[in-house]
Structures are given as structure tokens and as C-alpha cells.
Amino acid sequence: MRPSFAVEEALLELGSHLKGARLRRRLPQSIVAERAGISLNTLAKIESGQPGVAVGNVAAVLHALGLLDALSALASPESDS
């Protein structure tokens, strides 16, 4: 099943942000993929916003980039009004 347009847009934006974070840290894809324990192909899918990538893999990339804290805040009671 194809995700909604809103989901597709959010994934594209997330992928772009993750790629930007990687580039700001001057890390090649190979290093981030290794640190995250995923393949280069999976990292490329995440950075391009493709749906169907396991959320655990996205979390591993966030961790590899030092951004994992942002994930736990997504649906926190404080931000859910």
C-alpha cells in the first residue's frame, strides 16, 4: 500500500534533514552506515525518503549522527496537545 502524500512529504523532508546532518558532520555514507549497522543501500533509501525502511534503521542512523534524543521527544506528552 502506498503511503499518503503527507507521509511521503514528511519522509522526504526527514531524509533530506538526515543527509544534511551527515554532510554537516563531514561523514561519508559508508561511515554512518557502518556506525548504524545498516547497508549503504538502506542509508541511501533513508536519505532519499523512501517508505518501507524499518523505523529501527532510522533510529540507528539518528544514533550514529548523535540525534537520537530527538526521536524520543516526537510524541512526548509535553509536545502532544
C-alpha atoms as a PDB file:
ATOM      1  CA  MET A   1       0.000   0.000   0.000  1.00  0.00           C
ATOM      2  CA  ARG A   2       1.284   3.434  -0.889  1.00  0.00           C
ATOM      3  CA  PRO A   3       1.598   5.992   1.932  1.00  0.00           C
ATOM      4  CA  SER A   4      -0.371   9.220   1.868  1.00  0.00           C
ATOM      5  CA  PHE A   5       1.050  12.332   0.274  1.00  0.00           C
ATOM      6  CA  ALA A   6       1.613  13.870   3.726  1.00  0.00           C
ATOM      7  CA  VAL A   7       3.640  10.840   4.820  1.00  0.00           C
ATOM      8  CA  GLU A   8       5.665  10.879   1.606  1.00  0.00           C
ATOM      9  CA  GLU A   9       6.456  14.571   2.097  1.00  0.00           C
ATOM     10  CA  ALA A  10       7.444  14.043   5.740  1.00  0.00           C
ATOM     11  CA  LEU A  11       9.766  11.172   4.801  1.00  0.00           C
ATOM     12  CA  LEU A  12      11.374  13.216   2.037  1.00  0.00           C
ATOM     13  CA  GLU A  13      11.977  16.051   4.487  1.00  0.00           C
ATOM     14  CA  LEU A  14      13.346  13.724   7.169  1.00  0.00           C
ATOM     15  CA  GLY A  15      15.673  12.079   4.663  1.00  0.00           C
ATOM     16  CA  SER A  16      16.909  15.454   3.487  1.00  0.00           C
ATOM     17  CA  HIS A  17      17.499  16.575   7.062  1.00  0.00           C
ATOM     18  CA  LEU A  18      19.412  13.400   7.899  1.00  0.00           C
ATOM     19  CA  LYS A  19      21.575  13.774   4.803  1.00  0.00           C
ATOM     20  CA  GLY A  20      22.237  17.395   5.710  1.00  0.00           C
ATOM     21  CA  ALA A  21      23.199  16.398   9.257  1.00  0.00           C
ATOM     22  CA  ARG A  22      25.600  13.797   7.874  1.00  0.00           C
ATOM     23  CA  LEU A  23      27.173  16.282   5.492  1.00  0.00           C
ATOM     24  CA  ARG A  24      27.496  18.965   8.187  1.00  0.00           C
ATOM     25  CA  ARG A  25      29.469  16.408  10.189  1.00  0.00           C
ATOM     26  CA  ARG A  26      31.563  15.659   7.092  1.00  0.00           C
ATOM     27  CA  LEU A  27      30.794  11.965   7.380  1.00  0.00           C
ATOM     28  CA  PRO A  28      30.667   9.750   4.302  1.00  0.00           C
ATOM     29  CA  GLN A  29      27.721   7.402   3.878  1.00  0.00           C
ATOM     30  CA  SER A  30      29.983   4.417   4.464  1.00  0.00           C
ATOM     31  CA  ILE A  31      30.916   5.567   7.979  1.00  0.00           C
ATOM     32  CA  VAL A  32      27.338   6.390   9.017  1.00  0.00           C
ATOM     33  CA  ALA A  33      26.059   3.093   7.606  1.00  0.00           C
ATOM     34  CA  GLU A  34      28.777   1.190   9.472  1.00  0.00           C
ATOM     35  CA  ARG A  35      28.071   3.006  12.743  1.00  0.00           C
ATOM     36  CA  ALA A  36      24.333   2.394  12.313  1.00  0.00           C
ATOM     37  CA  GLY A  37      24.843  -1.273  11.428  1.00  0.00           C
ATOM     38  CA  ILE A  38      22.990  -0.958   8.127  1.00  0.00           C
ATOM     39  CA  SER A  39      23.906  -1.264   4.462  1.00  0.00           C
ATOM     40  CA  LEU A  40      24.804   1.661   2.234  1.00  0.00           C
ATOM     41  CA  ASN A  41      21.683   0.876   0.217  1.00  0.00           C
ATOM     42  CA  THR A  42      19.481   1.205   3.303  1.00  0.00           C
ATOM     43  CA  LEU A  43      21.112   4.520   4.250  1.00  0.00           C
ATOM     44  CA  ALA A  44      20.561   5.799   0.707  1.00  0.00           C
ATOM     45  CA  LYS A  45      16.877   4.803   0.971  1.00  0.00           C
ATOM     46  CA  ILE A  46      16.549   6.666   4.280  1.00  0.00           C
ATOM     47  CA  GLU A  47      18.238   9.781   2.930  1.00  0.00           C
ATOM     48  CA  SER A  48      16.037   9.765  -0.154  1.00  0.00           C
ATOM     49  CA  GLY A  49      12.876   9.442   1.948  1.00  0.00           C
ATOM     50  CA  GLN A  50      11.756   6.091   0.659  1.00  0.00           C
ATOM     51  CA  PRO A  51       8.959   4.483   2.680  1.00  0.00           C
ATOM     52  CA  GLY A  52       9.317   0.900   3.773  1.00  0.00           C
ATOM     53  CA  VAL A  53      12.555   1.317   5.717  1.00  0.00           C
ATOM     54  CA  ALA A  54      12.317  -0.102   9.228  1.00  0.00           C
ATOM     55  CA  VAL A  55      11.965   2.536  11.933  1.00  0.00           C
ATOM     56  CA  GLY A  56      14.774   0.777  13.804  1.00  0.00           C
ATOM     57  CA  ASN A  57      17.115   1.574  10.931  1.00  0.00           C
ATOM     58  CA  VAL A  58      16.106   5.235  11.008  1.00  0.00           C
ATOM     59  CA  ALA A  59      16.708   5.250  14.778  1.00  0.00           C
ATOM     60  CA  ALA A  60      20.144   3.692  14.238  1.00  0.00           C
ATOM     61  CA  VAL A  61      21.053   6.476  11.800  1.00  0.00           C
ATOM     62  CA  LEU A  62      19.837   9.107  14.267  1.00  0.00           C
ATOM     63  CA  HIS A  63      22.040   7.496  16.907  1.00  0.00           C
ATOM     64  CA  ALA A  64      25.036   7.370  14.554  1.00  0.00           C
ATOM     65  CA  LEU A  65      24.601  11.112  13.973  1.00  0.00           C
ATOM     66  CA  GLY A  66      24.121  11.935  17.661  1.00  0.00           C
ATOM     67  CA  LEU A  67      20.476  12.860  17.166  1.00  0.00           C
ATOM     68  CA  LEU A  68      18.662  10.008  18.908  1.00  0.00           C
ATOM     69  CA  ASP A  69      17.249  12.239  21.668  1.00  0.00           C
ATOM     70  CA  ALA A  70      15.079  13.952  19.054  1.00  0.00           C
ATOM     71  CA  LEU A  71      13.291  10.658  18.359  1.00  0.00           C
ATOM     72  CA  SER A  72      12.081  10.133  21.923  1.00  0.00           C
ATOM     73  CA  ALA A  73      10.640  13.650  22.019  1.00  0.00           C
ATOM     74  CA  LEU A  74       8.412  13.129  18.955  1.00  0.00           C
ATOM     75  CA  ALA A  75       5.196  12.132  20.712  1.00  0.00           C
ATOM     76  CA  SER A  76       6.028  13.099  24.267  1.00  0.00           C
ATOM     77  CA  PRO A  77       3.128  14.236  26.446  1.00  0.00           C
ATOM     78  CA  GLU A  78       4.706  17.683  26.680  1.00  0.00           C
ATOM     79  CA  SER A  79       4.552  18.196  22.933  1.00  0.00           C
ATOM     80  CA  ASP A  80       1.228  16.435  22.362  1.00  0.00           C
ATOM     81  CA  SER A  81      -1.536  18.921  22.936  1.00  0.00           C
END
